[in-house]
Amino acid sequence: MNNPPPSDPGLPEELARSIAGKDSGTTSTLLSTHRTQLSIKRTGLADLRSHLANERTHLAYLRTAISLIGFGITINRFSVFLQEKGRLAVDQTGPMLRSSEHAGAGMVVIGLALTAWSVYRYWHVNRDIEQARFRPLHRAVIALTVLLLAAGGFTAAWLFLQ
């Protein structure tokens, strides 16, 4: 679909292209900047909504990180339980993925890394909100997704090869 830009002659070309759907990631920021230039100030309510949305996103990251850390500790403790019951050898030799203790520790490390990422992301977005601009971190999101897919794949391989 190729929508023509809106017919409002007061809109800058970049904003018109964004509204037409060709650059949808920056529409609201460009619109608020354009309105500010027309002496229509951004309201405190709009800033408040943006900051609260940023906090909700940060809390979602933290909940996920706590879940990963808790799940990692559970895997680790369950492996100790299996060792005590004699269902899992204590001195296993071989690849690192053969030990459930390593898988549990890996989940904890991923949870801690996610916590560090959430703080970085929170401050990055907070600065962008205050400066009325938005720069998406596409590479970082893709890298984090690939990392989690790889970690999940290795964990699944460990489960099925055990």
N, C-alpha and C. Protein backbone atom coordinates (compact mmCIF):
# COMPACT_ATOMS: atom_id res chain seq x y z
N MET A 1 0.84 -1.18 0.00
CA MET A 1 0.00 0.00 0.00
C MET A 1 0.88 1.24 0.00
N ASN A 2 0.61 2.12 -0.89
CA ASN A 2 1.38 3.34 -0.99
C ASN A 2 0.45 4.51 -0.76
N ASN A 3 0.36 4.93 0.51
CA ASN A 3 -0.54 6.03 0.86
C ASN A 3 0.12 7.36 0.56
N PRO A 4 -0.61 8.29 -0.03
CA PRO A 4 -0.03 9.63 -0.24
C PRO A 4 0.11 10.34 1.09
N PRO A 5 1.09 11.24 1.19
CA PRO A 5 1.25 11.99 2.44
C PRO A 5 0.03 12.84 2.71
N PRO A 6 -0.26 13.13 3.97
CA PRO A 6 -1.40 13.99 4.30
C PRO A 6 -1.27 15.34 3.61
N SER A 7 -2.41 15.95 3.35
CA SER A 7 -2.43 17.16 2.55
C SER A 7 -2.19 18.43 3.36
N ASP A 8 -1.90 18.31 4.66
CA ASP A 8 -1.67 19.49 5.48
C ASP A 8 -0.37 20.16 5.03
N PRO A 9 -0.44 21.39 4.49
CA PRO A 9 0.77 22.05 3.99
C PRO A 9 1.72 22.47 5.10
N GLY A 10 1.27 22.47 6.35
CA GLY A 10 2.12 22.89 7.45
C GLY A 10 3.03 21.79 7.98
N LEU A 11 2.85 20.54 7.49
CA LEU A 11 3.66 19.43 7.99
C LEU A 11 4.98 19.34 7.25
N PRO A 12 6.08 19.16 7.97
CA PRO A 12 7.35 18.91 7.30
C PRO A 12 7.30 17.59 6.55
N GLU A 13 8.11 17.44 5.51
CA GLU A 13 8.09 16.24 4.67
C GLU A 13 8.37 14.98 5.50
N GLU A 14 9.32 15.06 6.44
CA GLU A 14 9.67 13.90 7.26
C GLU A 14 8.47 13.44 8.09
N LEU A 15 7.73 14.38 8.66
CA LEU A 15 6.56 14.05 9.46
C LEU A 15 5.44 13.50 8.57
N ALA A 16 5.21 14.11 7.41
CA ALA A 16 4.17 13.63 6.50
C ALA A 16 4.47 12.20 6.06
N ARG A 17 5.73 11.90 5.75
CA ARG A 17 6.13 10.55 5.34
C ARG A 17 5.92 9.55 6.49
N SER A 18 6.21 10.00 7.71
CA SER A 18 6.04 9.15 8.88
C SER A 18 4.57 8.83 9.12
N ILE A 19 3.72 9.83 9.01
CA ILE A 19 2.28 9.63 9.21
C ILE A 19 1.72 8.72 8.12
N ALA A 20 2.25 8.82 6.92
CA ALA A 20 1.76 7.99 5.81
C ALA A 20 2.16 6.53 5.98
N GLY A 21 2.96 6.20 7.02
CA GLY A 21 3.27 4.80 7.28
C GLY A 21 4.62 4.36 6.76
N LYS A 22 5.40 5.28 6.23
CA LYS A 22 6.69 4.90 5.69
C LYS A 22 7.78 4.91 6.77
N ASP A 23 7.50 5.50 7.91
CA ASP A 23 8.47 5.56 9.00
C ASP A 23 7.69 5.62 10.31
N SER A 24 6.92 4.59 10.60
CA SER A 24 5.97 4.64 11.70
C SER A 24 6.61 4.67 13.08
N GLY A 25 7.89 4.33 13.20
CA GLY A 25 8.51 4.29 14.51
C GLY A 25 8.73 5.65 15.13
N THR A 26 8.70 6.71 14.35
CA THR A 26 9.00 8.03 14.90
C THR A 26 7.85 9.01 14.76
N THR A 27 6.68 8.56 14.39
CA THR A 27 5.56 9.47 14.14
C THR A 27 5.23 10.33 15.35
N SER A 28 5.02 9.71 16.51
CA SER A 28 4.57 10.49 17.66
C SER A 28 5.64 11.48 18.12
N THR A 29 6.90 11.10 18.06
CA THR A 29 7.97 12.01 18.46
C THR A 29 8.05 13.18 17.49
N LEU A 30 7.99 12.90 16.19
CA LEU A 30 8.04 13.97 15.21
C LEU A 30 6.84 14.89 15.33
N LEU A 31 5.67 14.30 15.58
CA LEU A 31 4.46 15.10 15.71
C LEU A 31 4.55 16.01 16.93
N SER A 32 5.04 15.49 18.04
CA SER A 32 5.14 16.33 19.24
C SER A 32 6.17 17.43 19.03
N THR A 33 7.27 17.13 18.33
CA THR A 33 8.28 18.14 18.04
C THR A 33 7.70 19.21 17.12
N HIS A 34 6.94 18.78 16.10
CA HIS A 34 6.33 19.72 15.17
C HIS A 34 5.34 20.63 15.90
N ARG A 35 4.55 20.04 16.77
CA ARG A 35 3.57 20.84 17.52
C ARG A 35 4.28 21.83 18.43
N THR A 36 5.41 21.42 19.01
CA THR A 36 6.17 22.33 19.86
C THR A 36 6.66 23.52 19.04
N GLN A 37 7.07 23.24 17.80
CA GLN A 37 7.53 24.32 16.93
C GLN A 37 6.40 25.28 16.58
N LEU A 38 5.17 24.80 16.62
CA LEU A 38 4.01 25.65 16.33
C LEU A 38 3.48 26.31 17.60
N SER A 39 4.27 26.30 18.66
CA SER A 39 3.92 26.91 19.95
C SER A 39 2.82 26.16 20.66
N ILE A 40 2.56 24.93 20.29
CA ILE A 40 1.65 24.07 21.05
C ILE A 40 2.55 23.19 21.89
N LYS A 41 2.72 23.53 23.15
CA LYS A 41 3.66 22.84 24.03
C LYS A 41 3.21 21.42 24.31
N ARG A 42 4.19 20.55 24.46
CA ARG A 42 3.87 19.20 24.92
C ARG A 42 3.31 19.29 26.31
N THR A 43 2.30 18.56 26.57
CA THR A 43 1.68 18.63 27.89
C THR A 43 2.47 17.78 28.87
N GLY A 44 2.37 18.13 30.12
CA GLY A 44 3.00 17.34 31.17
C GLY A 44 2.39 15.96 31.24
N LEU A 45 1.11 15.85 30.87
CA LEU A 45 0.44 14.55 30.88
C LEU A 45 1.05 13.60 29.85
N ALA A 46 1.41 14.11 28.68
CA ALA A 46 2.03 13.26 27.66
C ALA A 46 3.39 12.76 28.14
N ASP A 47 4.17 13.65 28.76
CA ASP A 47 5.46 13.23 29.31
C ASP A 47 5.27 12.22 30.42
N LEU A 48 4.28 12.43 31.26
CA LEU A 48 4.00 11.50 32.35
C LEU A 48 3.67 10.12 31.81
N ARG A 49 2.81 10.06 30.78
CA ARG A 49 2.46 8.77 30.17
C ARG A 49 3.70 8.07 29.63
N SER A 50 4.57 8.83 28.98
CA SER A 50 5.79 8.25 28.42
C SER A 50 6.70 7.70 29.51
N HIS A 51 6.87 8.46 30.57
CA HIS A 51 7.72 7.99 31.67
C HIS A 51 7.12 6.77 32.37
N LEU A 52 5.81 6.77 32.55
CA LEU A 52 5.16 5.61 33.18
C LEU A 52 5.26 4.37 32.29
N ALA A 53 5.13 4.55 30.99
CA ALA A 53 5.29 3.42 30.07
C ALA A 53 6.73 2.88 30.13
N ASN A 54 7.70 3.78 30.24
CA ASN A 54 9.09 3.36 30.37
C ASN A 54 9.29 2.57 31.66
N GLU A 55 8.68 3.01 32.74
CA GLU A 55 8.79 2.28 34.01
C GLU A 55 8.14 0.91 33.92
N ARG A 56 6.98 0.82 33.26
CA ARG A 56 6.31 -0.48 33.11
C ARG A 56 7.18 -1.44 32.32
N THR A 57 7.82 -0.94 31.28
CA THR A 57 8.71 -1.78 30.49
C THR A 57 9.90 -2.25 31.32
N HIS A 58 10.47 -1.34 32.10
CA HIS A 58 11.59 -1.70 32.98
C HIS A 58 11.16 -2.78 33.98
N LEU A 59 9.97 -2.62 34.58
CA LEU A 59 9.48 -3.61 35.53
C LEU A 59 9.23 -4.96 34.86
N ALA A 60 8.79 -4.95 33.61
CA ALA A 60 8.61 -6.21 32.88
C ALA A 60 9.96 -6.91 32.68
N TYR A 61 10.99 -6.14 32.34
CA TYR A 61 12.34 -6.71 32.24
C TYR A 61 12.76 -7.32 33.57
N LEU A 62 12.52 -6.60 34.66
CA LEU A 62 12.92 -7.10 35.98
C LEU A 62 12.16 -8.36 36.36
N ARG A 63 10.86 -8.41 36.07
CA ARG A 63 10.09 -9.62 36.36
C ARG A 63 10.64 -10.82 35.59
N THR A 64 10.97 -10.59 34.33
CA THR A 64 11.53 -11.66 33.51
C THR A 64 12.88 -12.10 34.06
N ALA A 65 13.72 -11.14 34.44
CA ALA A 65 15.04 -11.48 34.99
C ALA A 65 14.91 -12.26 36.29
N ILE A 66 14.00 -11.86 37.16
CA ILE A 66 13.79 -12.59 38.42
C ILE A 66 13.31 -14.00 38.14
N SER A 67 12.44 -14.16 37.15
CA SER A 67 11.97 -15.50 36.77
C SER A 67 13.12 -16.36 36.28
N LEU A 68 13.98 -15.79 35.43
CA LEU A 68 15.12 -16.56 34.93
C LEU A 68 16.06 -16.96 36.07
N ILE A 69 16.33 -16.04 36.97
CA ILE A 69 17.21 -16.34 38.11
C ILE A 69 16.58 -17.41 38.99
N GLY A 70 15.31 -17.27 39.29
CA GLY A 70 14.61 -18.27 40.10
C GLY A 70 14.57 -19.63 39.44
N PHE A 71 14.34 -19.65 38.13
CA PHE A 71 14.31 -20.93 37.41
C PHE A 71 15.69 -21.56 37.39
N GLY A 72 16.73 -20.75 37.24
CA GLY A 72 18.10 -21.27 37.26
C GLY A 72 18.45 -21.88 38.60
N ILE A 73 18.06 -21.21 39.68
CA ILE A 73 18.31 -21.75 41.02
C ILE A 73 17.53 -23.04 41.23
N THR A 74 16.29 -23.08 40.73
CA THR A 74 15.48 -24.29 40.85
C THR A 74 16.13 -25.46 40.11
N ILE A 75 16.61 -25.22 38.90
CA ILE A 75 17.29 -26.28 38.15
C ILE A 75 18.51 -26.77 38.92
N ASN A 76 19.27 -25.83 39.47
CA ASN A 76 20.47 -26.20 40.22
C ASN A 76 20.12 -27.02 41.45
N ARG A 77 19.13 -26.60 42.22
CA ARG A 77 18.73 -27.33 43.43
C ARG A 77 18.13 -28.69 43.08
N PHE A 78 17.40 -28.76 41.96
CA PHE A 78 16.81 -30.03 41.56
C PHE A 78 17.90 -31.01 41.17
N SER A 79 18.97 -30.53 40.56
CA SER A 79 20.07 -31.43 40.20
C SER A 79 20.75 -31.97 41.46
N VAL A 80 20.86 -31.14 42.50
CA VAL A 80 21.42 -31.62 43.78
C VAL A 80 20.51 -32.68 44.38
N PHE A 81 19.20 -32.47 44.30
CA PHE A 81 18.24 -33.45 44.80
C PHE A 81 18.40 -34.78 44.05
N LEU A 82 18.52 -34.71 42.72
CA LEU A 82 18.69 -35.94 41.94
C LEU A 82 20.01 -36.64 42.28
N GLN A 83 21.06 -35.88 42.56
CA GLN A 83 22.33 -36.47 42.95
C GLN A 83 22.20 -37.19 44.29
N GLU A 84 21.48 -36.59 45.23
CA GLU A 84 21.29 -37.20 46.54
C GLU A 84 20.48 -38.48 46.46
N LYS A 85 19.54 -38.53 45.55
CA LYS A 85 18.70 -39.73 45.38
C LYS A 85 19.38 -40.78 44.51
N GLY A 86 20.55 -40.45 43.97
CA GLY A 86 21.28 -41.43 43.18
C GLY A 86 20.80 -41.55 41.74
N ARG A 87 20.01 -40.63 41.29
CA ARG A 87 19.51 -40.71 39.91
C ARG A 87 20.37 -39.92 38.94
N LEU A 88 21.31 -39.18 39.46
CA LEU A 88 22.21 -38.39 38.63
C LEU A 88 23.61 -38.57 39.18
N ALA A 89 24.56 -38.92 38.32
CA ALA A 89 25.92 -39.16 38.77
C ALA A 89 26.53 -37.86 39.28
N VAL A 90 27.28 -37.95 40.38
CA VAL A 90 27.88 -36.76 40.98
C VAL A 90 29.08 -36.29 40.18
N ASP A 91 29.92 -37.18 39.76
CA ASP A 91 31.14 -36.83 39.04
C ASP A 91 31.01 -37.16 37.57
N GLN A 92 30.18 -36.40 36.88
CA GLN A 92 30.03 -36.61 35.45
C GLN A 92 31.18 -35.94 34.72
N THR A 93 31.72 -36.65 33.77
CA THR A 93 32.74 -36.04 32.92
C THR A 93 32.17 -35.95 31.52
N GLY A 94 32.59 -34.96 30.80
CA GLY A 94 32.09 -34.78 29.44
C GLY A 94 31.75 -33.34 29.18
N PRO A 95 30.92 -33.11 28.19
CA PRO A 95 30.59 -31.73 27.82
C PRO A 95 29.92 -30.97 28.96
N MET A 96 30.09 -29.68 28.94
CA MET A 96 29.55 -28.82 30.00
C MET A 96 28.02 -28.92 30.07
N LEU A 97 27.35 -29.12 28.94
CA LEU A 97 25.89 -29.17 28.94
C LEU A 97 25.34 -30.45 29.57
N ARG A 98 26.19 -31.40 29.86
CA ARG A 98 25.71 -32.64 30.47
C ARG A 98 25.39 -32.46 31.95
N SER A 99 25.82 -31.38 32.55
CA SER A 99 25.58 -31.14 33.96
C SER A 99 24.45 -30.12 34.11
N SER A 100 23.41 -30.50 34.84
CA SER A 100 22.29 -29.59 35.04
C SER A 100 22.69 -28.40 35.91
N GLU A 101 23.75 -28.57 36.70
CA GLU A 101 24.22 -27.45 37.51
C GLU A 101 24.68 -26.29 36.62
N HIS A 102 25.32 -26.62 35.50
CA HIS A 102 25.77 -25.59 34.57
C HIS A 102 24.59 -24.92 33.88
N ALA A 103 23.56 -25.70 33.57
CA ALA A 103 22.37 -25.10 32.94
C ALA A 103 21.70 -24.13 33.91
N GLY A 104 21.60 -24.50 35.18
CA GLY A 104 21.01 -23.61 36.18
C GLY A 104 21.84 -22.35 36.36
N ALA A 105 23.15 -22.50 36.40
CA ALA A 105 24.03 -21.34 36.53
C ALA A 105 23.91 -20.45 35.30
N GLY A 106 23.76 -21.05 34.13
CA GLY A 106 23.59 -20.28 32.89
C GLY A 106 22.32 -19.44 32.92
N MET A 107 21.24 -20.02 33.45
CA MET A 107 19.98 -19.26 33.57
C MET A 107 20.15 -18.07 34.51
N VAL A 108 20.88 -18.28 35.60
CA VAL A 108 21.13 -17.19 36.54
C VAL A 108 21.94 -16.08 35.87
N VAL A 109 22.97 -16.47 35.11
CA VAL A 109 23.81 -15.48 34.43
C VAL A 109 22.98 -14.70 33.41
N ILE A 110 22.12 -15.38 32.67
CA ILE A 110 21.27 -14.70 31.69
C ILE A 110 20.32 -13.73 32.42
N GLY A 111 19.77 -14.14 33.56
CA GLY A 111 18.91 -13.26 34.34
C GLY A 111 19.64 -12.02 34.83
N LEU A 112 20.88 -12.19 35.28
CA LEU A 112 21.67 -11.05 35.72
C LEU A 112 22.01 -10.12 34.56
N ALA A 113 22.33 -10.71 33.41
CA ALA A 113 22.62 -9.89 32.22
C ALA A 113 21.38 -9.11 31.80
N LEU A 114 20.23 -9.73 31.88
CA LEU A 114 18.98 -9.05 31.53
C LEU A 114 18.70 -7.90 32.50
N THR A 115 19.05 -8.07 33.77
CA THR A 115 18.89 -6.99 34.74
C THR A 115 19.76 -5.80 34.36
N ALA A 116 21.01 -6.07 34.00
CA ALA A 116 21.92 -4.99 33.58
C ALA A 116 21.39 -4.31 32.32
N TRP A 117 20.90 -5.10 31.37
CA TRP A 117 20.33 -4.53 30.14
C TRP A 117 19.13 -3.66 30.45
N SER A 118 18.29 -4.08 31.39
CA SER A 118 17.08 -3.31 31.69
C SER A 118 17.42 -1.93 32.25
N VAL A 119 18.47 -1.85 33.07
CA VAL A 119 18.87 -0.55 33.61
C VAL A 119 19.39 0.34 32.48
N TYR A 120 20.23 -0.23 31.61
CA TYR A 120 20.74 0.55 30.48
C TYR A 120 19.58 1.05 29.60
N ARG A 121 18.67 0.17 29.29
CA ARG A 121 17.54 0.52 28.41
C ARG A 121 16.66 1.59 29.06
N TYR A 122 16.41 1.45 30.36
CA TYR A 122 15.58 2.42 31.07
C TYR A 122 16.19 3.83 30.97
N TRP A 123 17.48 3.96 31.26
CA TRP A 123 18.12 5.27 31.21
C TRP A 123 18.20 5.81 29.80
N HIS A 124 18.43 4.95 28.82
CA HIS A 124 18.48 5.37 27.42
C HIS A 124 17.14 5.95 26.98
N VAL A 125 16.06 5.24 27.27
CA VAL A 125 14.72 5.70 26.87
C VAL A 125 14.33 6.94 27.68
N ASN A 126 14.68 6.98 28.95
CA ASN A 126 14.38 8.15 29.78
C ASN A 126 15.02 9.41 29.19
N ARG A 127 16.27 9.31 28.78
CA ARG A 127 16.96 10.45 28.16
C ARG A 127 16.26 10.87 26.87
N ASP A 128 15.86 9.88 26.06
CA ASP A 128 15.17 10.19 24.81
C ASP A 128 13.82 10.87 25.06
N ILE A 129 13.09 10.44 26.09
CA ILE A 129 11.81 11.07 26.40
C ILE A 129 12.03 12.53 26.79
N GLU A 130 13.03 12.77 27.63
CA GLU A 130 13.29 14.14 28.08
C GLU A 130 13.75 15.04 26.94
N GLN A 131 14.42 14.48 25.93
CA GLN A 131 14.89 15.26 24.80
C GLN A 131 13.91 15.24 23.63
N ALA A 132 12.73 14.63 23.83
CA ALA A 132 11.67 14.55 22.82
C ALA A 132 12.17 13.94 21.51
N ARG A 133 12.88 12.84 21.63
CA ARG A 133 13.32 12.10 20.44
C ARG A 133 13.35 10.63 20.78
N PHE A 134 13.36 9.80 19.78
CA PHE A 134 13.40 8.36 19.99
C PHE A 134 14.32 7.73 18.97
N ARG A 135 15.27 6.97 19.46
CA ARG A 135 16.18 6.23 18.58
C ARG A 135 16.08 4.76 18.95
N PRO A 136 15.40 3.97 18.16
CA PRO A 136 15.26 2.56 18.50
C PRO A 136 16.62 1.85 18.44
N LEU A 137 16.79 0.87 19.31
CA LEU A 137 18.03 0.09 19.36
C LEU A 137 17.80 -1.25 18.65
N HIS A 138 17.64 -1.19 17.33
CA HIS A 138 17.32 -2.39 16.57
C HIS A 138 18.40 -3.46 16.72
N ARG A 139 19.66 -3.08 16.59
CA ARG A 139 20.75 -4.07 16.66
C ARG A 139 20.80 -4.74 18.02
N ALA A 140 20.62 -3.96 19.07
CA ALA A 140 20.67 -4.52 20.42
C ALA A 140 19.51 -5.50 20.66
N VAL A 141 18.33 -5.15 20.19
CA VAL A 141 17.17 -6.03 20.34
C VAL A 141 17.39 -7.33 19.57
N ILE A 142 17.90 -7.23 18.36
CA ILE A 142 18.15 -8.43 17.55
C ILE A 142 19.24 -9.28 18.19
N ALA A 143 20.31 -8.65 18.68
CA ALA A 143 21.40 -9.40 19.32
C ALA A 143 20.90 -10.11 20.57
N LEU A 144 20.10 -9.43 21.39
CA LEU A 144 19.57 -10.05 22.60
C LEU A 144 18.65 -11.22 22.26
N THR A 145 17.84 -11.06 21.23
CA THR A 145 16.94 -12.13 20.80
C THR A 145 17.72 -13.34 20.31
N VAL A 146 18.75 -13.11 19.50
CA VAL A 146 19.58 -14.22 19.00
C VAL A 146 20.28 -14.92 20.16
N LEU A 147 20.79 -14.15 21.12
CA LEU A 147 21.45 -14.73 22.28
C LEU A 147 20.51 -15.62 23.07
N LEU A 148 19.28 -15.14 23.30
CA LEU A 148 18.31 -15.94 24.04
C LEU A 148 17.87 -17.17 23.25
N LEU A 149 17.74 -17.04 21.92
CA LEU A 149 17.41 -18.21 21.10
C LEU A 149 18.51 -19.26 21.17
N ALA A 150 19.76 -18.81 21.12
CA ALA A 150 20.88 -19.75 21.21
C ALA A 150 20.92 -20.42 22.57
N ALA A 151 20.74 -19.65 23.63
CA ALA A 151 20.73 -20.22 24.98
C ALA A 151 19.57 -21.21 25.14
N GLY A 152 18.41 -20.85 24.63
CA GLY A 152 17.26 -21.76 24.68
C GLY A 152 17.50 -23.02 23.87
N GLY A 153 18.13 -22.87 22.70
CA GLY A 153 18.44 -24.04 21.88
C GLY A 153 19.42 -24.97 22.56
N PHE A 154 20.45 -24.40 23.18
CA PHE A 154 21.41 -25.23 23.91
C PHE A 154 20.75 -25.93 25.09
N THR A 155 19.87 -25.23 25.79
CA THR A 155 19.17 -25.85 26.92
C THR A 155 18.25 -26.97 26.44
N ALA A 156 17.54 -26.74 25.32
CA ALA A 156 16.67 -27.78 24.78
C ALA A 156 17.50 -28.99 24.34
N ALA A 157 18.64 -28.74 23.71
CA ALA A 157 19.52 -29.85 23.31
C ALA A 157 19.98 -30.61 24.53
N TRP A 158 20.33 -29.90 25.59
CA TRP A 158 20.77 -30.56 26.82
C TRP A 158 19.65 -31.44 27.39
N LEU A 159 18.40 -30.93 27.37
CA LEU A 159 17.29 -31.70 27.90
C LEU A 159 17.04 -32.97 27.11
N PHE A 160 17.10 -32.88 25.78
CA PHE A 160 16.78 -34.04 24.96
C PHE A 160 17.94 -35.01 24.81
N LEU A 161 19.16 -34.55 25.01
CA LEU A 161 20.32 -35.43 24.90
C LEU A 161 20.71 -36.05 26.23
N GLN A 162 20.06 -35.63 27.29
CA GLN A 162 20.36 -36.14 28.63
C GLN A 162 19.96 -37.57 28.78
